[in-house]
Amino acid sequence: MVIGSQTFGSTGKRYIPTLIIASMPFIAMAIVFMILEYYHRERNLV
């Protein structure tokens, strides 16, 4: 992922929050997957 030097200029302040909001569903899916994986492993140990 390449971020140009222009990104951290005046537009960077608006661009970065948009990038975070855009990646939120992927982050949420990753967290849910990790939690499910953790509970699945815990259940198998018992």
PDB file of N, CA and C in Angstrom:
ATOM      1  N   MET A   1       0.845  -1.194   0.000  1.00  0.00           N
ATOM      2  CA  MET A   1       0.000   0.000   0.000  1.00  0.00           C
ATOM      3  C   MET A   1       0.880   1.242   0.000  1.00  0.00           C
ATOM      4  N   VAL A   2       0.846   1.986  -1.055  1.00  0.00           N
ATOM      5  CA  VAL A   2       1.716   3.148  -1.189  1.00  0.00           C
ATOM      6  C   VAL A   2       0.913   4.416  -0.941  1.00  0.00           C
ATOM      7  N   ILE A   3       1.422   5.239  -0.022  1.00  0.00           N
ATOM      8  CA  ILE A   3       0.770   6.516   0.284  1.00  0.00           C
ATOM      9  C   ILE A   3       1.738   7.627  -0.106  1.00  0.00           C
ATOM     10  N   GLY A   4       1.304   8.480  -1.024  1.00  0.00           N
ATOM     11  CA  GLY A   4       2.165   9.561  -1.492  1.00  0.00           C
ATOM     12  C   GLY A   4       2.346  10.644  -0.442  1.00  0.00           C
ATOM     13  N   SER A   5       3.314  11.515  -0.688  1.00  0.00           N
ATOM     14  CA  SER A   5       3.595  12.602   0.245  1.00  0.00           C
ATOM     15  C   SER A   5       2.463  13.628   0.255  1.00  0.00           C
ATOM     16  N   GLN A   6       1.666  13.665  -0.822  1.00  0.00           N
ATOM     17  CA  GLN A   6       0.544  14.597  -0.923  1.00  0.00           C
ATOM     18  C   GLN A   6      -0.531  14.276   0.125  1.00  0.00           C
ATOM     19  N   THR A   7      -0.645  12.995   0.493  1.00  0.00           N
ATOM     20  CA  THR A   7      -1.694  12.524   1.397  1.00  0.00           C
ATOM     21  C   THR A   7      -1.631  13.246   2.732  1.00  0.00           C
ATOM     22  N   PHE A   8      -0.426  13.534   3.213  1.00  0.00           N
ATOM     23  CA  PHE A   8      -0.284  14.154   4.524  1.00  0.00           C
ATOM     24  C   PHE A   8      -0.270  15.676   4.454  1.00  0.00           C
ATOM     25  N   GLY A   9      -0.779  16.208   3.339  1.00  0.00           N
ATOM     26  CA  GLY A   9      -0.928  17.650   3.210  1.00  0.00           C
ATOM     27  C   GLY A   9      -2.278  18.091   3.753  1.00  0.00           C
ATOM     28  N   SER A  10      -2.918  19.036   3.081  1.00  0.00           N
ATOM     29  CA  SER A  10      -4.219  19.536   3.532  1.00  0.00           C
ATOM     30  C   SER A  10      -5.312  18.487   3.310  1.00  0.00           C
ATOM     31  N   THR A  11      -5.179  17.684   2.249  1.00  0.00           N
ATOM     32  CA  THR A  11      -6.184  16.663   1.957  1.00  0.00           C
ATOM     33  C   THR A  11      -6.002  15.447   2.855  1.00  0.00           C
ATOM     34  N   GLY A  12      -4.825  15.261   3.396  1.00  0.00           N
ATOM     35  CA  GLY A  12      -4.530  14.107   4.236  1.00  0.00           C
ATOM     36  C   GLY A  12      -5.416  14.034   5.458  1.00  0.00           C
ATOM     37  N   LYS A  13      -5.747  15.190   6.023  1.00  0.00           N
ATOM     38  CA  LYS A  13      -6.591  15.223   7.223  1.00  0.00           C
ATOM     39  C   LYS A  13      -8.000  14.710   6.941  1.00  0.00           C
ATOM     40  N   ARG A  14      -8.443  14.852   5.699  1.00  0.00           N
ATOM     41  CA  ARG A  14      -9.768  14.335   5.333  1.00  0.00           C
ATOM     42  C   ARG A  14      -9.669  12.916   4.789  1.00  0.00           C
ATOM     43  N   TYR A  15      -8.540  12.575   4.181  1.00  0.00           N
ATOM     44  CA  TYR A  15      -8.393  11.285   3.515  1.00  0.00           C
ATOM     45  C   TYR A  15      -8.200  10.137   4.498  1.00  0.00           C
ATOM     46  N   ILE A  16      -7.399  10.362   5.525  1.00  0.00           N
ATOM     47  CA  ILE A  16      -7.083   9.297   6.482  1.00  0.00           C
ATOM     48  C   ILE A  16      -8.327   8.816   7.245  1.00  0.00           C
ATOM     49  N   PRO A  17      -9.177   9.681   7.805  1.00  0.00           N
ATOM     50  CA  PRO A  17     -10.407   9.195   8.458  1.00  0.00           C
ATOM     51  C   PRO A  17     -11.299   8.400   7.503  1.00  0.00           C
ATOM     52  N   THR A  18     -11.365   8.800   6.253  1.00  0.00           N
ATOM     53  CA  THR A  18     -12.156   8.065   5.260  1.00  0.00           C
ATOM     54  C   THR A  18     -11.580   6.668   5.070  1.00  0.00           C
ATOM     55  N   LEU A  19     -10.260   6.568   5.062  1.00  0.00           N
ATOM     56  CA  LEU A  19      -9.575   5.282   4.910  1.00  0.00           C
ATOM     57  C   LEU A  19      -9.880   4.380   6.098  1.00  0.00           C
ATOM     58  N   ILE A  20      -9.880   4.961   7.305  1.00  0.00           N
ATOM     59  CA  ILE A  20     -10.188   4.201   8.523  1.00  0.00           C
ATOM     60  C   ILE A  20     -11.634   3.699   8.481  1.00  0.00           C
ATOM     61  N   ILE A  21     -12.563   4.574   8.115  1.00  0.00           N
ATOM     62  CA  ILE A  21     -13.978   4.195   8.038  1.00  0.00           C
ATOM     63  C   ILE A  21     -14.184   3.110   6.975  1.00  0.00           C
ATOM     64  N   ALA A  22     -13.471   3.216   5.859  1.00  0.00           N
ATOM     65  CA  ALA A  22     -13.591   2.231   4.781  1.00  0.00           C
ATOM     66  C   ALA A  22     -13.075   0.862   5.219  1.00  0.00           C
ATOM     67  N   SER A  23     -12.046   0.848   6.054  1.00  0.00           N
ATOM     68  CA  SER A  23     -11.458  -0.423   6.497  1.00  0.00           C
ATOM     69  C   SER A  23     -12.143  -0.998   7.734  1.00  0.00           C
ATOM     70  N   MET A  24     -13.055  -0.250   8.336  1.00  0.00           N
ATOM     71  CA  MET A  24     -13.745  -0.698   9.547  1.00  0.00           C
ATOM     72  C   MET A  24     -14.444  -2.050   9.402  1.00  0.00           C
ATOM     73  N   PRO A  25     -15.226  -2.308   8.342  1.00  0.00           N
ATOM     74  CA  PRO A  25     -15.877  -3.625   8.213  1.00  0.00           C
ATOM     75  C   PRO A  25     -14.886  -4.780   8.195  1.00  0.00           C
ATOM     76  N   PHE A  26     -13.729  -4.577   7.551  1.00  0.00           N
ATOM     77  CA  PHE A  26     -12.707  -5.618   7.484  1.00  0.00           C
ATOM     78  C   PHE A  26     -12.093  -5.860   8.848  1.00  0.00           C
ATOM     79  N   ILE A  27     -11.865  -4.765   9.608  1.00  0.00           N
ATOM     80  CA  ILE A  27     -11.317  -4.878  10.962  1.00  0.00           C
ATOM     81  C   ILE A  27     -12.323  -5.602  11.862  1.00  0.00           C
ATOM     82  N   ALA A  28     -13.594  -5.235  11.760  1.00  0.00           N
ATOM     83  CA  ALA A  28     -14.644  -5.870  12.564  1.00  0.00           C
ATOM     84  C   ALA A  28     -14.743  -7.363  12.253  1.00  0.00           C
ATOM     85  N   MET A  29     -14.687  -7.716  10.961  1.00  0.00           N
ATOM     86  CA  MET A  29     -14.742  -9.119  10.559  1.00  0.00           C
ATOM     87  C   MET A  29     -13.545  -9.891  11.112  1.00  0.00           C
ATOM     88  N   ALA A  30     -12.369  -9.275  11.089  1.00  0.00           N
ATOM     89  CA  ALA A  30     -11.163  -9.922  11.607  1.00  0.00           C
ATOM     90  C   ALA A  30     -11.276 -10.163  13.110  1.00  0.00           C
ATOM     91  N   ILE A  31     -11.810  -9.174  13.850  1.00  0.00           N
ATOM     92  CA  ILE A  31     -11.981  -9.303  15.305  1.00  0.00           C
ATOM     93  C   ILE A  31     -12.986 -10.414  15.617  1.00  0.00           C
ATOM     94  N   VAL A  32     -14.121 -10.438  14.911  1.00  0.00           N
ATOM     95  CA  VAL A  32     -15.138 -11.472  15.121  1.00  0.00           C
ATOM     96  C   VAL A  32     -14.560 -12.848  14.825  1.00  0.00           C
ATOM     97  N   PHE A  33     -13.797 -12.957  13.751  1.00  0.00           N
ATOM     98  CA  PHE A  33     -13.185 -14.228  13.383  1.00  0.00           C
ATOM     99  C   PHE A  33     -12.211 -14.698  14.460  1.00  0.00           C
ATOM    100  N   MET A  34     -11.421 -13.772  15.000  1.00  0.00           N
ATOM    101  CA  MET A  34     -10.469 -14.101  16.067  1.00  0.00           C
ATOM    102  C   MET A  34     -11.197 -14.585  17.318  1.00  0.00           C
ATOM    103  N   ILE A  35     -12.299 -13.918  17.671  1.00  0.00           N
ATOM    104  CA  ILE A  35     -13.076 -14.302  18.860  1.00  0.00           C
ATOM    105  C   ILE A  35     -13.689 -15.692  18.667  1.00  0.00           C
ATOM    106  N   LEU A  36     -14.271 -15.934  17.494  1.00  0.00           N
ATOM    107  CA  LEU A  36     -14.853 -17.250  17.205  1.00  0.00           C
ATOM    108  C   LEU A  36     -13.785 -18.339  17.244  1.00  0.00           C
ATOM    109  N   GLU A  37     -12.628 -18.047  16.684  1.00  0.00           N
ATOM    110  CA  GLU A  37     -11.521 -18.996  16.668  1.00  0.00           C
ATOM    111  C   GLU A  37     -11.058 -19.296  18.092  1.00  0.00           C
ATOM    112  N   TYR A  38     -11.019 -18.247  18.926  1.00  0.00           N
ATOM    113  CA  TYR A  38     -10.593 -18.396  20.322  1.00  0.00           C
ATOM    114  C   TYR A  38     -11.574 -19.272  21.099  1.00  0.00           C
ATOM    115  N   TYR A  39     -12.866 -19.007  20.964  1.00  0.00           N
ATOM    116  CA  TYR A  39     -13.878 -19.789  21.670  1.00  0.00           C
ATOM    117  C   TYR A  39     -13.891 -21.232  21.189  1.00  0.00           C
ATOM    118  N   HIS A  40     -13.690 -21.431  19.900  1.00  0.00           N
ATOM    119  CA  HIS A  40     -13.661 -22.775  19.325  1.00  0.00           C
ATOM    120  C   HIS A  40     -12.491 -23.570  19.916  1.00  0.00           C
ATOM    121  N   ARG A  41     -11.347 -22.925  20.054  1.00  0.00           N
ATOM    122  CA  ARG A  41     -10.168 -23.571  20.612  1.00  0.00           C
ATOM    123  C   ARG A  41     -10.377 -23.888  22.090  1.00  0.00           C
ATOM    124  N   GLU A  42     -10.998 -22.950  22.816  1.00  0.00           N
ATOM    125  CA  GLU A  42     -11.267 -23.143  24.244  1.00  0.00           C
ATOM    126  C   GLU A  42     -12.203 -24.334  24.465  1.00  0.00           C
ATOM    127  N   ARG A  43     -13.220 -24.465  23.617  1.00  0.00           N
ATOM    128  CA  ARG A  43     -14.192 -25.541  23.733  1.00  0.00           C
ATOM    129  C   ARG A  43     -13.534 -26.907  23.469  1.00  0.00           C
ATOM    130  N   ASN A  44     -12.594 -26.930  22.540  1.00  0.00           N
ATOM    131  CA  ASN A  44     -11.922 -28.185  22.208  1.00  0.00           C
ATOM    132  C   ASN A  44     -10.993 -28.653  23.329  1.00  0.00           C
ATOM    133  N   LEU A  45     -10.452 -27.706  24.099  1.00  0.00           N
ATOM    134  CA  LEU A  45      -9.540 -28.065  25.180  1.00  0.00           C
ATOM    135  C   LEU A  45     -10.282 -28.716  26.339  1.00  0.00           C
ATOM    136  N   VAL A  46     -11.497 -28.263  26.575  1.00  0.00           N
ATOM    137  CA  VAL A  46     -12.244 -28.764  27.741  1.00  0.00           C
ATOM    138  C   VAL A  46     -12.766 -30.182  27.483  1.00  0.00           C
TER     139      VAL A  46
END
